Amino acid sequence: MPSCPECENNLDIELDEVEEGDVITCEECGTEFEVVGIDPLELSRVEDDYDEEEDELYDEEEEE
């Protein structure tokens, strides 16, 4: 069973039922992860992706 990269709690997911792009939430710490790879399972924090996009938009607005 995969574990949360943040708190190392076991994630309650079935590996054969997840697809790339699915969002998984850790029941222990509440962190959301997007499935970016299946074999092996790779997770990316949803907040990190959002923050990077938000920073890029902010930087573009400053340049104008």
Protein backbone atom coordinates (compact mmCIF):
# COMPACT_ATOMS: atom_id res chain seq x y z
CA MET A 1 0.00 0.00 0.00
CA PRO A 2 1.44 3.42 -0.96
CA SER A 3 2.17 5.99 1.72
CA CYS A 4 1.73 9.76 1.87
CA PRO A 5 4.94 11.61 0.96
CA GLU A 6 4.12 14.27 3.58
CA CYS A 7 3.14 12.32 6.72
CA GLU A 8 3.98 8.73 5.65
CA ASN A 9 0.44 7.57 6.54
CA ASN A 10 -0.85 4.70 4.38
CA LEU A 11 -2.97 6.00 1.49
CA ASP A 12 -6.22 4.11 1.08
CA ILE A 13 -6.07 3.61 -2.69
CA GLU A 14 -6.13 0.64 -5.00
CA LEU A 15 -3.17 0.87 -7.38
CA ASP A 16 -5.07 -0.92 -10.15
CA GLU A 17 -7.95 1.60 -9.93
CA VAL A 18 -6.05 4.92 -10.20
CA GLU A 19 -5.23 6.71 -13.44
CA GLU A 20 -2.91 9.59 -14.30
CA GLY A 21 -4.62 12.86 -13.45
CA ASP A 22 -6.60 11.47 -10.50
CA VAL A 23 -6.42 13.51 -7.31
CA ILE A 24 -5.87 11.65 -4.04
CA THR A 25 -6.28 13.19 -0.60
CA CYS A 26 -4.42 11.87 2.43
CA GLU A 27 -6.98 11.21 5.16
CA GLU A 28 -4.38 11.90 7.87
CA CYS A 29 -2.85 15.27 6.87
CA GLY A 30 -5.33 16.43 4.20
CA THR A 31 -2.67 16.99 1.53
CA GLU A 32 -3.91 16.53 -2.03
CA PHE A 33 -1.79 14.75 -4.60
CA GLU A 34 -2.22 14.33 -8.34
CA VAL A 35 -1.25 10.97 -9.83
CA VAL A 36 1.45 11.80 -12.39
CA GLY A 37 2.68 8.26 -12.98
CA ILE A 38 1.24 4.78 -12.61
CA ASP A 39 4.11 2.30 -12.87
CA PRO A 40 5.66 3.10 -10.47
CA LEU A 41 3.12 5.28 -8.67
CA GLU A 42 4.24 8.93 -8.73
CA LEU A 43 2.41 11.67 -6.85
CA SER A 44 2.72 15.46 -7.08
CA ARG A 45 1.33 17.87 -4.48
CA VAL A 46 -1.63 19.77 -5.94
CA GLU A 47 -0.82 22.91 -3.90
CA ASP A 48 2.73 23.05 -5.28
CA ASP A 49 1.50 22.98 -8.88
CA TYR A 50 -1.05 25.70 -8.14
CA ASP A 51 1.50 27.92 -6.38
CA GLU A 52 3.93 27.68 -9.30
CA GLU A 53 1.23 28.63 -11.80
CA GLU A 54 0.09 31.50 -9.59
CA ASP A 55 3.69 32.76 -9.28
CA GLU A 56 4.13 32.64 -13.07
CA LEU A 57 0.95 34.66 -13.60
CA TYR A 58 2.07 37.19 -11.00
CA ASP A 59 5.49 37.53 -12.65
CA GLU A 60 3.89 38.11 -16.06
CA GLU A 61 1.63 40.85 -14.65
CA GLU A 62 4.64 42.62 -13.12
CA GLU A 63 6.46 42.66 -16.47
CA GLU A 64 3.59 44.45 -18.24
